[in-house]
Amino acid sequence: MIAEKRIGKKKIIRVHRVPFLCIDGRWVANYKWLFDGFAAEAEGYTGYVDAWDDCEWGSFITREGILHVGNLARSAQYIPKYSGEILGYVAGVLDLLEADGLLNEKVSAWKENIRPLIPEMVELQNLYYKDFDNRNLKCPIVFSRPQDNEVGGNGCLCDNSKQSVFCRPGYDEICDGIATGYGPDRFYDRQFWADSIWFERTIRGIDLRGRLSRDDFRVGSRLVMYIIAAGSVPRVRINGIWLITSPIYFPPYGDPYGFVFNGFKKVFELSGERLIFNIGDEDINEIIVEHIAPHGNNLGAQVVFVLEHDEV
């Protein structure tokens, strides 16, 4: 996709943008509960990420009695709330995509982590709504950890401001009034508590080549991330390189996450940097998106990855 941007009063530059990746049901969601016995005990210090990395990953017991760590990501309503007020809307990130001429561009996405897994080419204007359909305006979504005692992931987060509450028929926080999954017998299941997720995916270079070419990595290319989160996405790791994405990072305790509930855009220049996606036939790309939420009250994120360069 080629759009134009104005520099100063007269100069207009044509910008080539290619969306090629987003969080969907193919990402593994490993999660942690950081607050109890950790953040709550450590007011006044600043080395958050270093300390967070030492916390153990969460786990849950399946109905067969098997201890399971992580699972594939699941869509969750994006209705972050505090004291009854909604803190953010997916419209905030959609406005950024529209400004860059990307709303009608498509990216490969899988709705859910249940079989059969059928990828779709989804327009970005549909990516943020239930069933990838922007007619579902009352059901904005991002992706979160699955909340289910079954490894297959049939239960989903009802409202991501409700911590570990499951969708149940008639529950008034379900955005469209329809339960989309089920939970265990316990309505409020402690084993699923989380306020941090690492979304992880390994993707082959040949799969990225369906959207990218070597020409997209020319001198002056930029990696652009369009991010929205119930909380924040402070870091992304691509092939071993950590990128700091949050607009506020390592501040004093009290607001360590750099909350941006309405979406933001982060741009990384690729010229002269080590960061690059590998698109050879045998190449593998390892990607982690870190998501941190305030005390687990809101949890869910979406990141759309775009490569752009100015047309000569």
Protein backbone atom coordinates (compact mmCIF):
# COMPACT_ATOMS: atom_id res chain seq x y z
CA MET A 1 0.00 0.00 0.00
CA ILE A 2 1.32 3.46 -0.92
CA ALA A 3 0.20 6.61 0.88
CA GLU A 4 1.42 10.19 0.93
CA LYS A 5 2.71 12.29 3.81
CA ARG A 6 3.46 15.98 3.77
CA ILE A 7 6.79 17.35 5.02
CA GLY A 8 6.56 21.07 5.65
CA LYS A 9 4.27 23.16 3.44
CA LYS A 10 5.20 21.85 0.01
CA LYS A 11 7.15 18.59 0.02
CA ILE A 12 5.09 15.40 -0.28
CA ILE A 13 6.66 11.95 0.20
CA ARG A 14 5.06 8.71 -0.91
CA VAL A 15 5.24 6.01 1.78
CA HIS A 16 5.03 2.29 1.04
CA ARG A 17 3.54 0.33 3.98
CA VAL A 18 3.10 -3.46 4.32
CA PRO A 19 1.29 -4.97 7.35
CA PHE A 20 2.58 -8.50 7.77
CA LEU A 21 1.92 -9.82 11.28
CA CYS A 22 -0.45 -9.45 14.24
CA ILE A 23 -1.28 -11.26 17.48
CA ASP A 24 -3.87 -13.98 16.91
CA GLY A 25 -4.82 -17.50 17.99
CA ARG A 26 -1.49 -18.93 16.80
CA TRP A 27 0.56 -17.21 19.52
CA VAL A 28 1.44 -19.06 22.73
CA ALA A 29 0.32 -17.09 25.78
CA ASN A 30 2.49 -17.72 28.84
CA TYR A 31 1.34 -15.71 31.82
CA LYS A 32 2.45 -14.63 35.29
CA TRP A 33 0.83 -13.21 38.39
CA LEU A 34 3.37 -10.62 39.55
CA PHE A 35 1.62 -8.61 42.20
CA ASP A 36 1.13 -10.88 45.20
CA GLY A 37 4.31 -11.27 47.21
CA PHE A 38 6.30 -9.32 44.67
CA ALA A 39 5.23 -5.90 43.42
CA ALA A 40 3.07 -5.42 46.50
CA GLU A 41 6.15 -6.04 48.64
CA ALA A 42 8.54 -3.90 46.65
CA GLU A 43 7.28 -0.32 46.58
CA GLY A 44 9.91 2.28 45.88
CA TYR A 45 12.25 0.42 43.54
CA THR A 46 12.61 0.92 39.78
CA GLY A 47 14.15 -2.22 38.26
CA TYR A 48 10.85 -3.72 37.22
CA VAL A 49 11.63 -5.75 34.16
CA ASP A 50 14.75 -7.36 35.57
CA ALA A 51 12.77 -8.49 38.58
CA TRP A 52 9.71 -9.55 36.60
CA ASP A 53 11.84 -11.86 34.48
CA ASP A 54 12.65 -13.92 37.58
CA CYS A 55 9.00 -14.68 38.38
CA GLU A 56 7.72 -18.14 37.57
CA TRP A 57 5.25 -18.72 34.74
CA GLY A 58 1.69 -19.47 35.69
CA SER A 59 0.21 -22.92 35.33
CA PHE A 60 -3.13 -24.63 35.70
CA ILE A 61 -4.48 -28.12 36.28
CA THR A 62 -6.46 -29.62 33.41
CA ARG A 63 -9.60 -31.63 34.02
CA GLU A 64 -7.47 -34.72 33.54
CA GLY A 65 -5.26 -33.58 36.42
CA ILE A 66 -2.32 -32.61 34.19
CA LEU A 67 -0.24 -29.56 35.11
CA HIS A 68 -0.14 -27.27 32.07
CA VAL A 69 1.91 -24.10 31.52
CA GLY A 70 0.64 -21.60 28.99
CA ASN A 71 -1.69 -22.18 26.09
CA LEU A 72 -2.59 -20.58 22.79
CA ALA A 73 -3.93 -17.03 22.94
CA ARG A 74 -7.66 -16.39 22.94
CA SER A 75 -9.67 -13.34 21.95
CA ALA A 76 -10.98 -11.23 24.85
CA GLN A 77 -13.27 -8.24 25.04
CA TYR A 78 -11.46 -4.92 25.06
CA ILE A 79 -13.36 -3.05 27.74
CA PRO A 80 -10.71 -1.91 30.23
CA LYS A 81 -12.40 -0.33 33.21
CA TYR A 82 -11.50 1.36 36.47
CA SER A 83 -14.13 2.33 39.07
CA GLY A 84 -16.79 1.62 36.50
CA GLU A 85 -15.34 3.92 33.84
CA ILE A 86 -14.07 2.62 30.50
CA LEU A 87 -10.44 3.64 30.08
CA GLY A 88 -9.90 3.03 26.37
CA TYR A 89 -11.43 2.15 23.04
CA VAL A 90 -10.13 0.25 20.01
CA ALA A 91 -11.13 3.31 17.97
CA GLY A 92 -7.92 4.91 19.24
CA VAL A 93 -5.67 2.51 17.34
CA LEU A 94 -8.04 2.38 14.36
CA ASP A 95 -7.64 6.15 14.02
CA LEU A 96 -3.86 5.68 13.78
CA LEU A 97 -4.25 3.00 11.12
CA GLU A 98 -6.68 5.16 9.17
CA ALA A 99 -4.31 8.13 9.26
CA ASP A 100 -1.65 5.92 7.64
CA GLY A 101 -4.05 4.54 5.03
CA LEU A 102 -4.03 1.01 6.44
CA LEU A 103 -7.63 0.29 7.43
CA ASN A 104 -8.37 -1.67 4.27
CA GLU A 105 -5.03 -3.46 4.19
CA LYS A 106 -5.11 -7.14 5.16
CA VAL A 107 -3.10 -9.35 7.49
CA SER A 108 -3.26 -13.11 8.10
CA ALA A 109 -5.10 -13.92 11.34
CA TRP A 110 -6.73 -16.91 13.05
CA LYS A 111 -9.83 -16.23 15.14
CA GLU A 112 -9.40 -18.85 17.81
CA ASN A 113 -7.10 -21.58 19.02
CA ILE A 114 -9.59 -24.39 18.44
CA ARG A 115 -9.59 -26.86 15.57
CA PRO A 116 -9.83 -26.44 12.68
CA LEU A 117 -7.37 -23.57 12.59
CA ILE A 118 -8.23 -21.70 9.44
CA PRO A 119 -6.25 -18.54 8.63
CA GLU A 120 -8.01 -15.61 7.02
CA MET A 121 -6.81 -12.47 5.32
CA VAL A 122 -8.46 -9.91 7.59
CA GLU A 123 -8.82 -6.21 6.92
CA LEU A 124 -7.30 -4.25 9.79
CA GLN A 125 -10.57 -2.40 10.34
CA ASN A 126 -12.13 -5.78 11.22
CA LEU A 127 -9.28 -7.20 13.29
CA TYR A 128 -10.43 -5.52 16.52
CA TYR A 129 -13.99 -6.90 16.62
CA LYS A 130 -15.52 -10.23 17.52
CA ASP A 131 -15.43 -12.73 14.64
CA PHE A 132 -13.28 -10.20 12.77
CA ASP A 133 -16.42 -8.31 11.79
CA ASN A 134 -16.62 -4.57 12.48
CA ARG A 135 -20.41 -4.76 12.55
CA ASN A 136 -19.87 -6.16 16.06
CA LEU A 137 -19.24 -2.68 17.41
CA LYS A 138 -20.33 -3.67 20.90
CA CYS A 139 -17.75 -6.46 20.99
CA PRO A 140 -14.26 -4.95 20.53
CA ILE A 141 -11.52 -7.54 21.04
CA VAL A 142 -7.83 -7.96 21.59
CA PHE A 143 -6.05 -11.23 22.51
CA SER A 144 -5.36 -12.60 25.98
CA ARG A 145 -4.53 -15.86 27.70
CA PRO A 146 -7.10 -18.64 27.40
CA GLN A 147 -9.15 -19.18 30.55
CA ASP A 148 -10.07 -22.81 30.49
CA ASN A 149 -9.30 -26.02 32.31
CA GLU A 150 -9.02 -27.78 28.96
CA VAL A 151 -5.79 -27.55 27.00
CA GLY A 152 -7.86 -27.07 23.85
CA GLY A 153 -8.91 -23.64 25.08
CA ASN A 154 -12.72 -23.67 24.79
CA GLY A 155 -13.27 -21.11 27.54
CA CYS A 156 -12.48 -17.45 27.05
CA LEU A 157 -12.16 -14.29 29.05
CA CYS A 158 -15.57 -12.71 29.36
CA ASP A 159 -14.55 -9.15 30.00
CA ASN A 160 -10.90 -8.31 30.48
CA SER A 161 -11.73 -5.98 33.33
CA LYS A 162 -13.03 -8.95 35.31
CA GLN A 163 -9.74 -10.70 36.03
CA SER A 164 -10.48 -14.44 36.07
CA VAL A 165 -14.25 -14.42 35.66
CA PHE A 166 -15.58 -16.62 32.87
CA CYS A 167 -18.33 -15.99 30.35
CA ARG A 168 -21.60 -17.42 31.59
CA PRO A 169 -25.06 -17.23 30.01
CA GLY A 170 -26.86 -14.13 31.23
CA TYR A 171 -23.74 -12.50 32.68
CA ASP A 172 -24.31 -8.77 32.24
CA GLU A 173 -20.70 -7.99 31.30
CA ILE A 174 -20.79 -10.07 28.11
CA CYS A 175 -20.65 -7.51 25.34
CA ASP A 176 -23.30 -9.09 23.12
CA GLY A 177 -25.17 -11.05 25.79
CA ILE A 178 -24.00 -14.38 24.35
CA ALA A 179 -21.64 -16.64 26.26
CA THR A 180 -18.69 -17.55 24.04
CA GLY A 181 -17.18 -20.23 26.21
CA TYR A 182 -17.33 -21.89 29.58
CA GLY A 183 -15.27 -21.97 32.70
CA PRO A 184 -14.65 -24.48 35.45
CA ASP A 185 -17.06 -25.14 38.29
CA ARG A 186 -15.46 -22.34 40.28
CA PHE A 187 -16.71 -18.98 39.03
CA TYR A 188 -13.56 -17.17 40.18
CA ASP A 189 -10.61 -19.47 39.54
CA ARG A 190 -7.40 -18.40 41.30
CA GLN A 191 -5.15 -20.54 39.10
CA PHE A 192 -5.80 -18.28 36.12
CA TRP A 193 -4.87 -15.01 37.81
CA ALA A 194 -2.37 -13.06 35.72
CA ASP A 195 -1.16 -9.51 35.18
CA SER A 196 1.57 -10.28 32.66
CA ILE A 197 1.61 -12.24 29.39
CA TRP A 198 4.36 -13.14 26.99
CA PHE A 199 2.78 -13.72 23.61
CA GLU A 200 5.27 -15.92 21.73
CA ARG A 201 5.39 -17.12 18.14
CA THR A 202 7.92 -18.76 15.86
CA ILE A 203 7.30 -18.02 12.20
CA ARG A 204 9.18 -19.26 9.16
CA GLY A 205 10.79 -16.82 6.79
CA ILE A 206 9.00 -18.40 3.86
CA ASP A 207 5.66 -17.63 5.55
CA LEU A 208 6.60 -13.97 5.96
CA ARG A 209 7.56 -13.82 2.30
CA GLY A 210 3.88 -13.98 1.39
CA ARG A 211 3.80 -10.33 2.49
CA LEU A 212 7.41 -9.17 2.54
CA SER A 213 10.23 -9.03 0.03
CA ARG A 214 13.90 -8.15 0.40
CA ASP A 215 13.09 -4.79 -1.15
CA ASP A 216 11.06 -3.96 1.96
CA PHE A 217 14.30 -4.01 3.96
CA ARG A 218 16.00 -1.33 1.92
CA VAL A 219 18.07 1.45 3.49
CA GLY A 220 15.68 3.72 5.37
CA SER A 221 13.10 1.01 6.07
CA ARG A 222 11.19 1.29 9.32
CA LEU A 223 9.45 -1.25 11.53
CA VAL A 224 6.19 0.26 12.76
CA MET A 225 4.08 -1.24 15.53
CA TYR A 226 0.48 -0.21 16.11
CA ILE A 227 -0.25 -1.18 19.70
CA ILE A 228 -3.29 -1.24 21.95
CA ALA A 229 -3.42 -2.94 25.34
CA ALA A 230 -5.44 -3.12 28.51
CA GLY A 231 -2.32 -2.01 30.36
CA SER A 232 0.74 -1.70 28.16
CA VAL A 233 3.19 -3.49 25.89
CA PRO A 234 6.55 -2.33 27.30
CA ARG A 235 8.82 -4.63 25.26
CA VAL A 236 8.91 -6.70 22.09
CA ARG A 237 11.70 -9.16 21.32
CA ILE A 238 12.48 -10.06 17.70
CA ASN A 239 15.15 -12.68 17.02
CA GLY A 240 16.82 -12.05 20.36
CA ILE A 241 16.72 -8.22 20.23
CA TRP A 242 14.60 -6.46 22.85
CA LEU A 243 12.83 -3.29 21.70
CA ILE A 244 11.44 -0.83 24.21
CA THR A 245 7.98 0.07 22.93
CA SER A 246 6.20 1.66 25.87
CA PRO A 247 6.18 5.49 25.84
CA ILE A 248 7.04 5.48 29.55
CA TYR A 249 9.52 3.00 30.95
CA PHE A 250 11.20 2.30 34.29
CA PRO A 251 9.38 5.08 36.15
CA PRO A 252 9.00 4.99 39.94
CA TYR A 253 6.54 2.51 41.45
CA GLY A 254 2.91 3.53 41.09
CA ASP A 255 2.73 3.73 37.28
CA PRO A 256 5.37 1.32 35.98
CA TYR A 257 3.59 0.37 32.81
CA GLY A 258 3.23 3.50 30.68
CA PHE A 259 -0.48 2.90 30.20
CA VAL A 260 -1.87 3.84 26.80
CA PHE A 261 -5.36 2.41 26.65
CA ASN A 262 -6.33 4.07 23.36
CA GLY A 263 -3.46 2.84 21.22
CA PHE A 264 -0.13 4.22 20.11
CA LYS A 265 2.34 3.92 17.27
CA LYS A 266 6.01 3.05 17.71
CA VAL A 267 8.54 3.44 14.88
CA PHE A 268 11.98 1.80 14.73
CA GLU A 269 14.54 2.73 12.08
CA LEU A 270 16.14 -0.39 10.61
CA SER A 271 19.14 1.22 8.90
CA GLY A 272 22.34 0.11 10.57
CA GLU A 273 20.48 -1.88 13.23
CA ARG A 274 20.80 -5.59 13.95
CA LEU A 275 17.05 -5.99 13.95
CA ILE A 276 15.71 -7.67 10.84
CA PHE A 277 13.19 -10.35 10.03
CA ASN A 278 14.63 -13.40 8.31
CA ILE A 279 12.84 -14.34 5.10
CA GLY A 280 15.03 -17.13 3.69
CA ASP A 281 13.42 -20.51 2.99
CA GLU A 282 14.96 -22.17 6.07
CA ASP A 283 14.96 -19.10 8.32
CA ILE A 284 13.10 -19.00 11.62
CA ASN A 285 11.87 -15.84 13.38
CA GLU A 286 11.24 -15.88 17.12
CA ILE A 287 9.00 -13.10 18.40
CA ILE A 288 7.83 -12.21 21.92
CA VAL A 289 5.34 -9.47 22.77
CA GLU A 290 5.34 -8.64 26.48
CA HIS A 291 2.08 -7.39 27.95
CA ILE A 292 1.79 -5.98 31.48
CA ALA A 293 -1.50 -5.00 33.10
CA PRO A 294 -2.35 -3.20 36.35
CA HIS A 295 -2.93 -5.83 39.04
CA GLY A 296 -4.62 -8.16 36.59
CA ASN A 297 -7.76 -6.05 36.37
CA ASN A 298 -7.31 -5.57 32.63
CA LEU A 299 -5.49 -8.00 30.38
CA GLY A 300 -5.33 -8.22 26.61
CA ALA A 301 -3.37 -6.68 23.73
CA GLN A 302 -2.99 -6.41 19.98
CA VAL A 303 0.11 -5.47 18.03
CA VAL A 304 0.11 -5.04 14.25
CA PHE A 305 3.57 -5.15 12.66
CA VAL A 306 4.13 -3.02 9.55
CA LEU A 307 7.22 -2.41 7.42
CA GLU A 308 7.39 0.93 5.65
CA HIS A 309 9.80 2.91 3.50
CA ASP A 310 9.70 6.16 1.58
CA GLU A 311 9.33 5.83 -2.16
CA VAL A 312 12.26 7.26 -4.11
